[in-house]
Amino acid sequence: MTDKKKIDKERQMSYDSLPPNIKDSLTEEEKQLFLTAEKWPDSLFEKLEEFIVKD
């Protein structure tokens, strides 16, 4: 990704706390979306569904 968006520290901490097998399953694009995107694609939600807390 050529344009570097600011990475939120809380998102980085959340990413770092994911199990290695989950982090390994994410593409580089999905990783960047996890760290910077305002809206995630459905595919990312599916991979992370067991870690998402719904309000």
Protein backbone atom coordinates (compact mmCIF):
# COMPACT_ATOMS: atom_id res chain seq x y z
CA MET A 1 0.00 0.00 0.00
CA THR A 2 1.61 3.23 -1.09
CA ASP A 3 -0.33 5.69 1.03
CA LYS A 4 0.47 5.12 4.69
CA LYS A 5 -2.46 5.92 6.92
CA LYS A 6 -1.83 6.48 10.59
CA ILE A 7 -2.01 3.25 12.56
CA ASP A 8 -4.09 3.44 15.72
CA LYS A 9 -2.12 2.20 18.75
CA GLU A 10 -5.12 0.27 20.09
CA ARG A 11 -5.59 -1.49 16.76
CA GLN A 12 -1.89 -2.36 16.68
CA MET A 13 -2.15 -3.81 20.19
CA SER A 14 -5.23 -5.78 19.13
CA TYR A 15 -3.45 -7.09 16.05
CA ASP A 16 -0.38 -8.05 18.10
CA SER A 17 -2.58 -9.99 20.54
CA LEU A 18 -4.13 -12.19 17.84
CA PRO A 19 -3.00 -15.83 17.78
CA PRO A 20 -0.23 -16.50 15.23
CA ASN A 21 -2.44 -18.74 13.08
CA ILE A 22 -4.98 -15.92 12.68
CA LYS A 23 -2.33 -13.33 11.86
CA ASP A 24 -0.80 -15.75 9.33
CA SER A 25 -4.17 -16.18 7.65
CA LEU A 26 -4.44 -12.45 6.89
CA THR A 27 -3.15 -11.07 3.64
CA GLU A 28 -0.95 -7.97 3.70
CA GLU A 29 -3.93 -5.96 2.45
CA GLU A 30 -6.18 -7.33 5.22
CA LYS A 31 -3.54 -6.50 7.80
CA GLN A 32 -3.43 -2.90 6.58
CA LEU A 33 -7.23 -2.73 6.60
CA PHE A 34 -7.27 -4.10 10.15
CA LEU A 35 -4.87 -1.39 11.27
CA THR A 36 -6.20 1.61 9.34
CA ALA A 37 -9.59 1.17 7.66
CA GLU A 38 -12.75 2.83 8.86
CA LYS A 39 -14.78 -0.03 7.38
CA TRP A 40 -13.65 -3.65 7.07
CA PRO A 41 -14.61 -5.96 4.22
CA ASP A 42 -16.78 -8.97 5.05
CA SER A 43 -13.86 -11.34 4.46
CA LEU A 44 -11.93 -9.73 7.31
CA PHE A 45 -14.93 -9.95 9.64
CA GLU A 46 -15.27 -13.64 8.79
CA LYS A 47 -11.64 -14.37 9.64
CA LEU A 48 -11.87 -12.45 12.92
CA GLU A 49 -15.46 -13.22 13.96
CA GLU A 50 -14.49 -15.12 17.13
CA PHE A 51 -12.56 -12.06 18.36
CA ILE A 52 -15.17 -9.38 17.61
CA VAL A 53 -17.27 -8.14 20.50
CA LYS A 54 -20.65 -6.84 19.43
CA ASP A 55 -22.32 -3.98 21.30
